[in-house]
Amino acid sequence: MNLKKIILDFYKSESLINPTVLATYLHDDILLEWNSSTGFIKMNREDLLSLASELSRSYIRSKVEISHIVKEGDLVSVRYAHSVKTIENPREYILLANFMVIWELKDEKLYRGYQISQVV
């Protein structure tokens, strides 16, 4: 399958706030290295599924707007903005943060991620 299409499908789905959907995209040995506004963290499969579960308790919808996507070999780089609708305000999307991530895919699954984010 086209690796760029896998990434586009991943971000078009509600996987960032739905652990069941997210699980279908994650390699068993996934590792995400994330430099966020609050510091550096490493997340494995269990950590990512827990984060999606936690986010699903506060957000009812998730939207990703991709501004750039570049594929080279088995790497796909994505620059995007992540917005959500909250339980308290279900009519309006609120921008959470801007992201830049480089994904390495293995067996057509997200395997290694190198991500930076900035809260707005």
PDB file of N, CA and C in Angstrom:
ATOM      1  N   MET A   1       0.837  -1.189   0.000  1.00  0.00           N
ATOM      2  CA  MET A   1       0.000   0.000   0.000  1.00  0.00           C
ATOM      3  C   MET A   1       0.880   1.250   0.000  1.00  0.00           C
ATOM      4  N   ASN A   2       0.364   2.314  -0.509  1.00  0.00           N
ATOM      5  CA  ASN A   2       1.047   3.588  -0.556  1.00  0.00           C
ATOM      6  C   ASN A   2       1.199   4.143   0.867  1.00  0.00           C
ATOM      7  N   LEU A   3       2.438   4.341   1.301  1.00  0.00           N
ATOM      8  CA  LEU A   3       2.697   4.795   2.673  1.00  0.00           C
ATOM      9  C   LEU A   3       2.114   6.175   2.944  1.00  0.00           C
ATOM     10  N   LYS A   4       2.160   7.051   1.955  1.00  0.00           N
ATOM     11  CA  LYS A   4       1.589   8.388   2.114  1.00  0.00           C
ATOM     12  C   LYS A   4       0.079   8.286   2.343  1.00  0.00           C
ATOM     13  N   LYS A   5      -0.576   7.366   1.645  1.00  0.00           N
ATOM     14  CA  LYS A   5      -2.014   7.167   1.816  1.00  0.00           C
ATOM     15  C   LYS A   5      -2.334   6.643   3.215  1.00  0.00           C
ATOM     16  N   ILE A   6      -1.495   5.759   3.737  1.00  0.00           N
ATOM     17  CA  ILE A   6      -1.697   5.251   5.104  1.00  0.00           C
ATOM     18  C   ILE A   6      -1.686   6.417   6.088  1.00  0.00           C
ATOM     19  N   ILE A   7      -0.716   7.315   5.939  1.00  0.00           N
ATOM     20  CA  ILE A   7      -0.612   8.472   6.838  1.00  0.00           C
ATOM     21  C   ILE A   7      -1.817   9.388   6.672  1.00  0.00           C
ATOM     22  N   LEU A   8      -2.211   9.658   5.440  1.00  0.00           N
ATOM     23  CA  LEU A   8      -3.394  10.503   5.210  1.00  0.00           C
ATOM     24  C   LEU A   8      -4.642   9.881   5.819  1.00  0.00           C
ATOM     25  N   ASP A   9      -4.815   8.572   5.648  1.00  0.00           N
ATOM     26  CA  ASP A   9      -5.962   7.882   6.243  1.00  0.00           C
ATOM     27  C   ASP A   9      -5.919   7.955   7.769  1.00  0.00           C
ATOM     28  N   PHE A  10      -4.732   7.807   8.328  1.00  0.00           N
ATOM     29  CA  PHE A  10      -4.547   7.880   9.777  1.00  0.00           C
ATOM     30  C   PHE A  10      -5.023   9.229  10.323  1.00  0.00           C
ATOM     31  N   TYR A  11      -4.582  10.307   9.708  1.00  0.00           N
ATOM     32  CA  TYR A  11      -4.947  11.630  10.202  1.00  0.00           C
ATOM     33  C   TYR A  11      -6.377  12.031   9.849  1.00  0.00           C
ATOM     34  N   LYS A  12      -6.961  11.450   8.805  1.00  0.00           N
ATOM     35  CA  LYS A  12      -8.362  11.737   8.467  1.00  0.00           C
ATOM     36  C   LYS A  12      -9.323  10.992   9.380  1.00  0.00           C
ATOM     37  N   SER A  13      -8.862   9.904   9.973  1.00  0.00           N
ATOM     38  CA  SER A  13      -9.705   9.146  10.903  1.00  0.00           C
ATOM     39  C   SER A  13      -9.747   9.883  12.241  1.00  0.00           C
ATOM     40  N   GLU A  14     -10.540   9.390  13.145  1.00  0.00           N
ATOM     41  CA  GLU A  14     -10.602   9.984  14.493  1.00  0.00           C
ATOM     42  C   GLU A  14      -9.627   9.262  15.435  1.00  0.00           C
ATOM     43  N   SER A  15      -8.570   8.707  14.879  1.00  0.00           N
ATOM     44  CA  SER A  15      -7.647   7.876  15.655  1.00  0.00           C
ATOM     45  C   SER A  15      -6.985   8.603  16.828  1.00  0.00           C
ATOM     46  N   LEU A  16      -6.819   9.915  16.724  1.00  0.00           N
ATOM     47  CA  LEU A  16      -6.146  10.637  17.801  1.00  0.00           C
ATOM     48  C   LEU A  16      -6.988  10.709  19.069  1.00  0.00           C
ATOM     49  N   ILE A  17      -8.314  10.478  18.945  1.00  0.00           N
ATOM     50  CA  ILE A  17      -9.170  10.459  20.140  1.00  0.00           C
ATOM     51  C   ILE A  17      -9.968   9.161  20.245  1.00  0.00           C
ATOM     52  N   ASN A  18      -9.591   8.152  19.468  1.00  0.00           N
ATOM     53  CA  ASN A  18     -10.297   6.874  19.501  1.00  0.00           C
ATOM     54  C   ASN A  18      -9.278   5.738  19.551  1.00  0.00           C
ATOM     55  N   PRO A  19      -9.060   5.156  20.742  1.00  0.00           N
ATOM     56  CA  PRO A  19      -8.029   4.127  20.874  1.00  0.00           C
ATOM     57  C   PRO A  19      -8.284   2.882  20.028  1.00  0.00           C
ATOM     58  N   THR A  20      -9.530   2.550  19.762  1.00  0.00           N
ATOM     59  CA  THR A  20      -9.838   1.378  18.944  1.00  0.00           C
ATOM     60  C   THR A  20      -9.355   1.593  17.508  1.00  0.00           C
ATOM     61  N   VAL A  21      -9.633   2.772  16.969  1.00  0.00           N
ATOM     62  CA  VAL A  21      -9.172   3.102  15.619  1.00  0.00           C
ATOM     63  C   VAL A  21      -7.651   3.251  15.610  1.00  0.00           C
ATOM     64  N   LEU A  22      -7.116   3.920  16.605  1.00  0.00           N
ATOM     65  CA  LEU A  22      -5.666   4.134  16.685  1.00  0.00           C
ATOM     66  C   LEU A  22      -4.907   2.811  16.669  1.00  0.00           C
ATOM     67  N   ALA A  23      -5.391   1.825  17.382  1.00  0.00           N
ATOM     68  CA  ALA A  23      -4.716   0.525  17.482  1.00  0.00           C
ATOM     69  C   ALA A  23      -4.493  -0.113  16.115  1.00  0.00           C
ATOM     70  N   THR A  24      -5.385   0.148  15.167  1.00  0.00           N
ATOM     71  CA  THR A  24      -5.250  -0.458  13.835  1.00  0.00           C
ATOM     72  C   THR A  24      -4.079   0.121  13.049  1.00  0.00           C
ATOM     73  N   TYR A  25      -3.606   1.294  13.423  1.00  0.00           N
ATOM     74  CA  TYR A  25      -2.511   1.951  12.713  1.00  0.00           C
ATOM     75  C   TYR A  25      -1.148   1.732  13.369  1.00  0.00           C
ATOM     76  N   LEU A  26      -1.121   1.270  14.597  1.00  0.00           N
ATOM     77  CA  LEU A  26       0.132   1.194  15.352  1.00  0.00           C
ATOM     78  C   LEU A  26       0.813  -0.159  15.220  1.00  0.00           C
ATOM     79  N   HIS A  27       2.092  -0.139  14.950  1.00  0.00           N
ATOM     80  CA  HIS A  27       2.927  -1.343  14.996  1.00  0.00           C
ATOM     81  C   HIS A  27       3.053  -1.757  16.457  1.00  0.00           C
ATOM     82  N   ASP A  28       3.187  -3.027  16.721  1.00  0.00           N
ATOM     83  CA  ASP A  28       3.323  -3.505  18.110  1.00  0.00           C
ATOM     84  C   ASP A  28       4.516  -2.875  18.821  1.00  0.00           C
ATOM     85  N   ASP A  29       5.574  -2.578  18.080  1.00  0.00           N
ATOM     86  CA  ASP A  29       6.798  -2.026  18.672  1.00  0.00           C
ATOM     87  C   ASP A  29       6.957  -0.522  18.420  1.00  0.00           C
ATOM     88  N   ILE A  30       5.855   0.189  18.265  1.00  0.00           N
ATOM     89  CA  ILE A  30       5.929   1.623  17.974  1.00  0.00           C
ATOM     90  C   ILE A  30       6.631   2.376  19.105  1.00  0.00           C
ATOM     91  N   LEU A  31       7.343   3.412  18.711  1.00  0.00           N
ATOM     92  CA  LEU A  31       7.958   4.328  19.663  1.00  0.00           C
ATOM     93  C   LEU A  31       7.845   5.733  19.085  1.00  0.00           C
ATOM     94  N   LEU A  32       7.242   6.639  19.845  1.00  0.00           N
ATOM     95  CA  LEU A  32       7.125   8.040  19.447  1.00  0.00           C
ATOM     96  C   LEU A  32       7.995   8.870  20.374  1.00  0.00           C
ATOM     97  N   GLU A  33       8.938   9.598  19.793  1.00  0.00           N
ATOM     98  CA  GLU A  33       9.758  10.551  20.536  1.00  0.00           C
ATOM     99  C   GLU A  33       9.171  11.926  20.280  1.00  0.00           C
ATOM    100  N   TRP A  34       8.687  12.584  21.339  1.00  0.00           N
ATOM    101  CA  TRP A  34       7.888  13.795  21.202  1.00  0.00           C
ATOM    102  C   TRP A  34       8.509  14.936  21.993  1.00  0.00           C
ATOM    103  N   ASN A  35       8.903  15.980  21.288  1.00  0.00           N
ATOM    104  CA  ASN A  35       9.348  17.227  21.911  1.00  0.00           C
ATOM    105  C   ASN A  35       8.151  18.167  21.914  1.00  0.00           C
ATOM    106  N   SER A  36       7.539  18.326  23.080  1.00  0.00           N
ATOM    107  CA  SER A  36       6.353  19.169  23.189  1.00  0.00           C
ATOM    108  C   SER A  36       6.716  20.496  23.843  1.00  0.00           C
ATOM    109  N   SER A  37       5.738  21.354  23.961  1.00  0.00           N
ATOM    110  CA  SER A  37       5.945  22.648  24.617  1.00  0.00           C
ATOM    111  C   SER A  37       6.341  22.477  26.081  1.00  0.00           C
ATOM    112  N   THR A  38       5.999  21.321  26.648  1.00  0.00           N
ATOM    113  CA  THR A  38       6.290  21.092  28.072  1.00  0.00           C
ATOM    114  C   THR A  38       7.488  20.184  28.316  1.00  0.00           C
ATOM    115  N   GLY A  39       8.122  19.682  27.242  1.00  0.00           N
ATOM    116  CA  GLY A  39       9.292  18.835  27.429  1.00  0.00           C
ATOM    117  C   GLY A  39       9.311  17.642  26.489  1.00  0.00           C
ATOM    118  N   PHE A  40      10.234  16.720  26.742  1.00  0.00           N
ATOM    119  CA  PHE A  40      10.452  15.548  25.893  1.00  0.00           C
ATOM    120  C   PHE A  40       9.856  14.312  26.543  1.00  0.00           C
ATOM    121  N   ILE A  41       9.136  13.526  25.746  1.00  0.00           N
ATOM    122  CA  ILE A  41       8.618  12.244  26.235  1.00  0.00           C
ATOM    123  C   ILE A  41       8.772  11.192  25.148  1.00  0.00           C
ATOM    124  N   LYS A  42       8.893   9.945  25.590  1.00  0.00           N
ATOM    125  CA  LYS A  42       8.873   8.789  24.697  1.00  0.00           C
ATOM    126  C   LYS A  42       7.602   8.019  25.007  1.00  0.00           C
ATOM    127  N   MET A  43       6.897   7.640  23.960  1.00  0.00           N
ATOM    128  CA  MET A  43       5.636   6.926  24.146  1.00  0.00           C
ATOM    129  C   MET A  43       5.655   5.629  23.328  1.00  0.00           C
ATOM    130  N   ASN A  44       5.233   4.536  23.982  1.00  0.00           N
ATOM    131  CA  ASN A  44       5.095   3.265  23.290  1.00  0.00           C
ATOM    132  C   ASN A  44       3.621   3.040  22.939  1.00  0.00           C
ATOM    133  N   ARG A  45       3.300   1.864  22.457  1.00  0.00           N
ATOM    134  CA  ARG A  45       1.930   1.561  22.028  1.00  0.00           C
ATOM    135  C   ARG A  45       0.923   1.775  23.154  1.00  0.00           C
ATOM    136  N   GLU A  46       1.204   1.244  24.314  1.00  0.00           N
ATOM    137  CA  GLU A  46       0.302   1.374  25.462  1.00  0.00           C
ATOM    138  C   GLU A  46       0.107   2.840  25.854  1.00  0.00           C
ATOM    139  N   ASP A  47       1.188   3.607  25.854  1.00  0.00           N
ATOM    140  CA  ASP A  47       1.111   5.035  26.189  1.00  0.00           C
ATOM    141  C   ASP A  47       0.220   5.788  25.200  1.00  0.00           C
ATOM    142  N   LEU A  48       0.389   5.501  23.918  1.00  0.00           N
ATOM    143  CA  LEU A  48      -0.393   6.189  22.889  1.00  0.00           C
ATOM    144  C   LEU A  48      -1.873   5.834  22.972  1.00  0.00           C
ATOM    145  N   LEU A  49      -2.170   4.562  23.227  1.00  0.00           N
ATOM    146  CA  LEU A  49      -3.569   4.151  23.369  1.00  0.00           C
ATOM    147  C   LEU A  49      -4.198   4.776  24.616  1.00  0.00           C
ATOM    148  N   SER A  50      -3.428   4.889  25.691  1.00  0.00           N
ATOM    149  CA  SER A  50      -3.924   5.543  26.908  1.00  0.00           C
ATOM    150  C   SER A  50      -4.188   7.025  26.665  1.00  0.00           C
ATOM    151  N   LEU A  51      -3.302   7.677  25.914  1.00  0.00           N
ATOM    152  CA  LEU A  51      -3.491   9.092  25.598  1.00  0.00           C
ATOM    153  C   LEU A  51      -4.767   9.283  24.774  1.00  0.00           C
ATOM    154  N   ALA A  52      -4.983   8.461  23.771  1.00  0.00           N
ATOM    155  CA  ALA A  52      -6.197   8.565  22.947  1.00  0.00           C
ATOM    156  C   ALA A  52      -7.441   8.339  23.794  1.00  0.00           C
ATOM    157  N   SER A  53      -7.372   7.403  24.710  1.00  0.00           N
ATOM    158  CA  SER A  53      -8.501   7.137  25.599  1.00  0.00           C
ATOM    159  C   SER A  53      -8.790   8.337  26.495  1.00  0.00           C
ATOM    160  N   GLU A  54      -7.732   8.930  27.021  1.00  0.00           N
ATOM    161  CA  GLU A  54      -7.875  10.124  27.871  1.00  0.00           C
ATOM    162  C   GLU A  54      -8.469  11.292  27.080  1.00  0.00           C
ATOM    163  N   LEU A  55      -7.990  11.496  25.860  1.00  0.00           N
ATOM    164  CA  LEU A  55      -8.498  12.579  25.021  1.00  0.00           C
ATOM    165  C   LEU A  55      -9.967  12.372  24.668  1.00  0.00           C
ATOM    166  N   SER A  56     -10.375  11.125  24.504  1.00  0.00           N
ATOM    167  CA  SER A  56     -11.774  10.839  24.136  1.00  0.00           C
ATOM    168  C   SER A  56     -12.753  11.210  25.241  1.00  0.00           C
ATOM    169  N   ARG A  57     -12.272  11.347  26.446  1.00  0.00           N
ATOM    170  CA  ARG A  57     -13.149  11.743  27.552  1.00  0.00           C
ATOM    171  C   ARG A  57     -13.456  13.242  27.540  1.00  0.00           C
ATOM    172  N   SER A  58     -12.627  14.033  26.885  1.00  0.00           N
ATOM    173  CA  SER A  58     -12.824  15.488  26.848  1.00  0.00           C
ATOM    174  C   SER A  58     -13.268  16.019  25.496  1.00  0.00           C
ATOM    175  N   TYR A  59     -12.926  15.296  24.439  1.00  0.00           N
ATOM    176  CA  TYR A  59     -13.190  15.792  23.089  1.00  0.00           C
ATOM    177  C   TYR A  59     -14.135  14.855  22.348  1.00  0.00           C
ATOM    178  N   ILE A  60     -15.121  15.465  21.650  1.00  0.00           N
ATOM    179  CA  ILE A  60     -16.095  14.639  20.934  1.00  0.00           C
ATOM    180  C   ILE A  60     -15.776  14.510  19.449  1.00  0.00           C
ATOM    181  N   ARG A  61     -14.958  15.401  18.922  1.00  0.00           N
ATOM    182  CA  ARG A  61     -14.535  15.361  17.526  1.00  0.00           C
ATOM    183  C   ARG A  61     -13.094  15.829  17.434  1.00  0.00           C
ATOM    184  N   SER A  62     -12.415  15.331  16.414  1.00  0.00           N
ATOM    185  CA  SER A  62     -11.026  15.691  16.185  1.00  0.00           C
ATOM    186  C   SER A  62     -10.836  15.952  14.699  1.00  0.00           C
ATOM    187  N   LYS A  63     -10.078  17.005  14.389  1.00  0.00           N
ATOM    188  CA  LYS A  63      -9.837  17.348  12.984  1.00  0.00           C
ATOM    189  C   LYS A  63      -8.369  17.709  12.820  1.00  0.00           C
ATOM    190  N   VAL A  64      -7.762  17.146  11.796  1.00  0.00           N
ATOM    191  CA  VAL A  64      -6.374  17.443  11.477  1.00  0.00           C
ATOM    192  C   VAL A  64      -6.336  18.123  10.118  1.00  0.00           C
ATOM    193  N   GLU A  65      -5.680  19.274  10.061  1.00  0.00           N
ATOM    194  CA  GLU A  65      -5.495  19.989   8.800  1.00  0.00           C
ATOM    195  C   GLU A  65      -4.021  19.911   8.425  1.00  0.00           C
ATOM    196  N   ILE A  66      -3.750  19.126   7.382  1.00  0.00           N
ATOM    197  CA  ILE A  66      -2.379  18.912   6.929  1.00  0.00           C
ATOM    198  C   ILE A  66      -2.004  20.012   5.944  1.00  0.00           C
ATOM    199  N   SER A  67      -0.884  20.677   6.223  1.00  0.00           N
ATOM    200  CA  SER A  67      -0.401  21.704   5.304  1.00  0.00           C
ATOM    201  C   SER A  67       0.735  21.189   4.415  1.00  0.00           C
ATOM    202  N   HIS A  68       1.495  20.199   4.905  1.00  0.00           N
ATOM    203  CA  HIS A  68       2.601  19.632   4.143  1.00  0.00           C
ATOM    204  C   HIS A  68       2.690  18.133   4.420  1.00  0.00           C
ATOM    205  N   ILE A  69       2.970  17.363   3.382  1.00  0.00           N
ATOM    206  CA  ILE A  69       3.243  15.932   3.544  1.00  0.00           C
ATOM    207  C   ILE A  69       4.261  15.539   2.477  1.00  0.00           C
ATOM    208  N   VAL A  70       5.361  14.917   2.913  1.00  0.00           N
ATOM    209  CA  VAL A  70       6.454  14.548   2.023  1.00  0.00           C
ATOM    210  C   VAL A  70       6.871  13.113   2.329  1.00  0.00           C
ATOM    211  N   LYS A  71       6.986  12.295   1.288  1.00  0.00           N
ATOM    212  CA  LYS A  71       7.410  10.906   1.450  1.00  0.00           C
ATOM    213  C   LYS A  71       8.781  10.715   0.832  1.00  0.00           C
ATOM    214  N   GLU A  72       9.648  10.018   1.553  1.00  0.00           N
ATOM    215  CA  GLU A  72      10.947   9.629   1.022  1.00  0.00           C
ATOM    216  C   GLU A  72      11.278   8.257   1.579  1.00  0.00           C
ATOM    217  N   GLY A  73      11.361   7.264   0.722  1.00  0.00           N
ATOM    218  CA  GLY A  73      11.604   5.889   1.172  1.00  0.00           C
ATOM    219  C   GLY A  73      10.464   5.425   2.045  1.00  0.00           C
ATOM    220  N   ASP A  74      10.797   4.912   3.227  1.00  0.00           N
ATOM    221  CA  ASP A  74       9.749   4.468   4.159  1.00  0.00           C
ATOM    222  C   ASP A  74       9.465   5.521   5.239  1.00  0.00           C
ATOM    223  N   LEU A  75       9.830   6.783   4.960  1.00  0.00           N
ATOM    224  CA  LEU A  75       9.572   7.894   5.876  1.00  0.00           C
ATOM    225  C   LEU A  75       8.533   8.832   5.270  1.00  0.00           C
ATOM    226  N   VAL A  76       7.618   9.305   6.109  1.00  0.00           N
ATOM    227  CA  VAL A  76       6.627  10.291   5.694  1.00  0.00           C
ATOM    228  C   VAL A  76       6.641  11.419   6.719  1.00  0.00           C
ATOM    229  N   SER A  77       6.877  12.648   6.250  1.00  0.00           N
ATOM    230  CA  SER A  77       6.881  13.829   7.120  1.00  0.00           C
ATOM    231  C   SER A  77       5.575  14.580   6.941  1.00  0.00           C
ATOM    232  N   VAL A  78       5.011  15.034   8.067  1.00  0.00           N
ATOM    233  CA  VAL A  78       3.719  15.710   8.038  1.00  0.00           C
ATOM    234  C   VAL A  78       3.771  16.941   8.931  1.00  0.00           C
ATOM    235  N   ARG A  79       3.255  18.045   8.396  1.00  0.00           N
ATOM    236  CA  ARG A  79       3.063  19.259   9.188  1.00  0.00           C
ATOM    237  C   ARG A  79       1.569  19.494   9.245  1.00  0.00           C
ATOM    238  N   TYR A  80       1.021  19.620  10.466  1.00  0.00           N
ATOM    239  CA  TYR A  80      -0.429  19.723  10.588  1.00  0.00           C
ATOM    240  C   TYR A  80      -0.847  20.499  11.827  1.00  0.00           C
ATOM    241  N   ALA A  81      -2.118  20.919  11.808  1.00  0.00           N
ATOM    242  CA  ALA A  81      -2.754  21.568  12.955  1.00  0.00           C
ATOM    243  C   ALA A  81      -3.844  20.620  13.447  1.00  0.00           C
ATOM    244  N   HIS A  82      -3.904  20.422  14.768  1.00  0.00           N
ATOM    245  CA  HIS A  82      -4.897  19.527  15.363  1.00  0.00           C
ATOM    246  C   HIS A  82      -5.922  20.352  16.132  1.00  0.00           C
ATOM    247  N   SER A  83      -7.185  20.232  15.712  1.00  0.00           N
ATOM    248  CA  SER A  83      -8.290  20.937  16.363  1.00  0.00           C
ATOM    249  C   SER A  83      -9.290  19.922  16.895  1.00  0.00           C
ATOM    250  N   VAL A  84     -10.046  20.340  17.919  1.00  0.00           N
ATOM    251  CA  VAL A  84     -11.023  19.448  18.549  1.00  0.00           C
ATOM    252  C   VAL A  84     -12.302  20.209  18.883  1.00  0.00           C
ATOM    253  N   LYS A  85     -13.370  19.442  19.055  1.00  0.00           N
ATOM    254  CA  LYS A  85     -14.610  19.970  19.616  1.00  0.00           C
ATOM    255  C   LYS A  85     -14.726  19.381  21.014  1.00  0.00           C
ATOM    256  N   THR A  86     -14.982  20.244  21.982  1.00  0.00           N
ATOM    257  CA  THR A  86     -15.077  19.799  23.366  1.00  0.00           C
ATOM    258  C   THR A  86     -16.515  19.415  23.717  1.00  0.00           C
ATOM    259  N   ILE A  87     -16.643  18.678  24.798  1.00  0.00           N
ATOM    260  CA  ILE A  87     -17.961  18.320  25.308  1.00  0.00           C
ATOM    261  C   ILE A  87     -18.721  19.592  25.682  1.00  0.00           C
ATOM    262  N   GLU A  88     -18.019  20.546  26.268  1.00  0.00           N
ATOM    263  CA  GLU A  88     -18.638  21.794  26.703  1.00  0.00           C
ATOM    264  C   GLU A  88     -19.037  22.701  25.544  1.00  0.00           C
ATOM    265  N   ASN A  89     -18.331  22.612  24.417  1.00  0.00           N
ATOM    266  CA  ASN A  89     -18.589  23.481  23.273  1.00  0.00           C
ATOM    267  C   ASN A  89     -18.564  22.641  21.986  1.00  0.00           C
ATOM    268  N   PRO A  90     -19.613  21.835  21.764  1.00  0.00           N
ATOM    269  CA  PRO A  90     -19.607  20.900  20.633  1.00  0.00           C
ATOM    270  C   PRO A  90     -19.807  21.534  19.262  1.00  0.00           C
ATOM    271  N   ARG A  91     -20.075  22.819  19.190  1.00  0.00           N
ATOM    272  CA  ARG A  91     -20.343  23.482  17.908  1.00  0.00           C
ATOM    273  C   ARG A  91     -19.112  24.110  17.264  1.00  0.00           C
ATOM    274  N   GLU A  92     -18.030  24.232  18.030  1.00  0.00           N
ATOM    275  CA  GLU A  92     -16.880  24.974  17.538  1.00  0.00           C
ATOM    276  C   GLU A  92     -15.588  24.164  17.695  1.00  0.00           C
ATOM    277  N   TYR A  93     -14.782  24.149  16.634  1.00  0.00           N
ATOM    278  CA  TYR A  93     -13.454  23.540  16.722  1.00  0.00           C
ATOM    279  C   TYR A  93     -12.492  24.504  17.397  1.00  0.00           C
ATOM    280  N   ILE A  94     -11.659  23.964  18.267  1.00  0.00           N
ATOM    281  CA  ILE A  94     -10.640  24.736  18.975  1.00  0.00           C
ATOM    282  C   ILE A  94      -9.279  24.160  18.604  1.00  0.00           C
ATOM    283  N   LEU A  95      -8.361  25.017  18.153  1.00  0.00           N
ATOM    284  CA  LEU A  95      -7.026  24.582  17.782  1.00  0.00           C
ATOM    285  C   LEU A  95      -6.249  24.203  19.045  1.00  0.00           C
ATOM    286  N   LEU A  96      -5.775  22.957  19.101  1.00  0.00           N
ATOM    287  CA  LEU A  96      -4.966  22.504  20.242  1.00  0.00           C
ATOM    288  C   LEU A  96      -3.503  22.867  20.076  1.00  0.00           C
ATOM    289  N   ALA A  97      -2.933  22.504  18.915  1.00  0.00           N
ATOM    290  CA  ALA A  97      -1.501  22.721  18.712  1.00  0.00           C
ATOM    291  C   ALA A  97      -1.141  22.520  17.250  1.00  0.00           C
ATOM    292  N   ASN A  98       0.048  22.974  16.908  1.00  0.00           N
ATOM    293  CA  ASN A  98       0.648  22.719  15.598  1.00  0.00           C
ATOM    294  C   ASN A  98       1.716  21.646  15.774  1.00  0.00           C
ATOM    295  N   PHE A  99       1.824  20.764  14.787  1.00  0.00           N
ATOM    296  CA  PHE A  99       2.719  19.611  14.877  1.00  0.00           C
ATOM    297  C   PHE A  99       3.565  19.464  13.624  1.00  0.00           C
ATOM    298  N   MET A 100       4.738  18.886  13.805  1.00  0.00           N
ATOM    299  CA  MET A 100       5.592  18.418  12.720  1.00  0.00           C
ATOM    300  C   MET A 100       6.083  17.052  13.154  1.00  0.00           C
ATOM    301  N   VAL A 101       5.880  16.055  12.301  1.00  0.00           N
ATOM    302  CA  VAL A 101       6.272  14.696  12.664  1.00  0.00           C
ATOM    303  C   VAL A 101       6.870  13.982  11.461  1.00  0.00           C
ATOM    304  N   ILE A 102       7.862  13.166  11.734  1.00  0.00           N
ATOM    305  CA  ILE A 102       8.427  12.264  10.733  1.00  0.00           C
ATOM    306  C   ILE A 102       8.052  10.852  11.169  1.00  0.00           C
ATOM    307  N   TRP A 103       7.311  10.151  10.328  1.00  0.00           N
ATOM    308  CA  TRP A 103       6.902   8.770  10.627  1.00  0.00           C
ATOM    309  C   TRP A 103       7.711   7.792   9.798  1.00  0.00           C
ATOM    310  N   GLU A 104       8.200   6.750  10.457  1.00  0.00           N
ATOM    311  CA  GLU A 104       8.783   5.598   9.776  1.00  0.00           C
ATOM    312  C   GLU A 104       7.745   4.490   9.852  1.00  0.00           C
ATOM    313  N   LEU A 105       7.443   3.887   8.727  1.00  0.00           N
ATOM    314  CA  LEU A 105       6.459   2.816   8.699  1.00  0.00           C
ATOM    315  C   LEU A 105       7.152   1.470   8.538  1.00  0.00           C
ATOM    316  N   LYS A 106       6.571   0.466   9.168  1.00  0.00           N
ATOM    317  CA  LYS A 106       7.075  -0.903   9.061  1.00  0.00           C
ATOM    318  C   LYS A 106       5.858  -1.812   8.990  1.00  0.00           C
ATOM    319  N   ASP A 107       5.830  -2.696   8.024  1.00  0.00           N
ATOM    320  CA  ASP A 107       4.680  -3.575   7.823  1.00  0.00           C
ATOM    321  C   ASP A 107       3.389  -2.766   7.660  1.00  0.00           C
ATOM    322  N   GLU A 108       3.502  -1.603   7.000  1.00  0.00           N
ATOM    323  CA  GLU A 108       2.379  -0.691   6.753  1.00  0.00           C
ATOM    324  C   GLU A 108       1.720  -0.179   8.032  1.00  0.00           C
ATOM    325  N   LYS A 109       2.496  -0.068   9.101  1.00  0.00           N
ATOM    326  CA  LYS A 109       2.036   0.451  10.393  1.00  0.00           C
ATOM    327  C   LYS A 109       2.998   1.533  10.860  1.00  0.00           C
ATOM    328  N   LEU A 110       2.507   2.423  11.721  1.00  0.00           N
ATOM    329  CA  LEU A 110       3.362   3.447  12.315  1.00  0.00           C
ATOM    330  C   LEU A 110       4.340   2.766  13.263  1.00  0.00           C
ATOM    331  N   TYR A 111       5.635   2.936  12.993  1.00  0.00           N
ATOM    332  CA  TYR A 111       6.669   2.209  13.728  1.00  0.00           C
ATOM    333  C   TYR A 111       7.548   3.132  14.579  1.00  0.00           C
ATOM    334  N   ARG A 112       8.050   4.208  13.980  1.00  0.00           N
ATOM    335  CA  ARG A 112       8.854   5.193  14.709  1.00  0.00           C
ATOM    336  C   ARG A 112       8.340   6.582  14.345  1.00  0.00           C
ATOM    337  N   GLY A 113       8.196   7.426  15.364  1.00  0.00           N
ATOM    338  CA  GLY A 113       7.767   8.782  15.129  1.00  0.00           C
ATOM    339  C   GLY A 113       8.662   9.766  15.843  1.00  0.00           C
ATOM    340  N   TYR A 114       8.964  10.863  15.181  1.00  0.00           N
ATOM    341  CA  TYR A 114       9.785  11.923  15.741  1.00  0.00           C
ATOM    342  C   TYR A 114       8.979  13.206  15.573  1.00  0.00           C
ATOM    343  N   GLN A 115       8.432  13.692  16.675  1.00  0.00           N
ATOM    344  CA  GLN A 115       7.421  14.734  16.618  1.00  0.00           C
ATOM    345  C   GLN A 115       7.793  15.931  17.477  1.00  0.00           C
ATOM    346  N   ILE A 116       7.451  17.120  16.965  1.00  0.00           N
ATOM    347  CA  ILE A 116       7.544  18.339  17.769  1.00  0.00           C
ATOM    348  C   ILE A 116       6.175  19.026  17.700  1.00  0.00           C
ATOM    349  N   SER A 117       5.821  19.712  18.774  1.00  0.00           N
ATOM    350  CA  SER A 117       4.537  20.401  18.799  1.00  0.00           C
ATOM    351  C   SER A 117       4.669  21.721  19.537  1.00  0.00           C
ATOM    352  N   GLN A 118       3.745  22.607  19.196  1.00  0.00           N
ATOM    353  CA  GLN A 118       3.685  23.897  19.866  1.00  0.00           C
ATOM    354  C   GLN A 118       2.222  24.233  20.116  1.00  0.00           C
ATOM    355  N   VAL A 119       1.902  24.453  21.365  1.00  0.00           N
ATOM    356  CA  VAL A 119       0.538  24.838  21.742  1.00  0.00           C
ATOM    357  C   VAL A 119       0.315  26.269  21.296  1.00  0.00           C
ATOM    358  N   VAL A 120      -0.894  26.564  20.843  1.00  0.00           N
ATOM    359  CA  VAL A 120      -1.213  27.921  20.410  1.00  0.00           C
ATOM    360  C   VAL A 120      -1.856  28.713  21.527  1.00  0.00           C
TER     361      VAL A 120
END
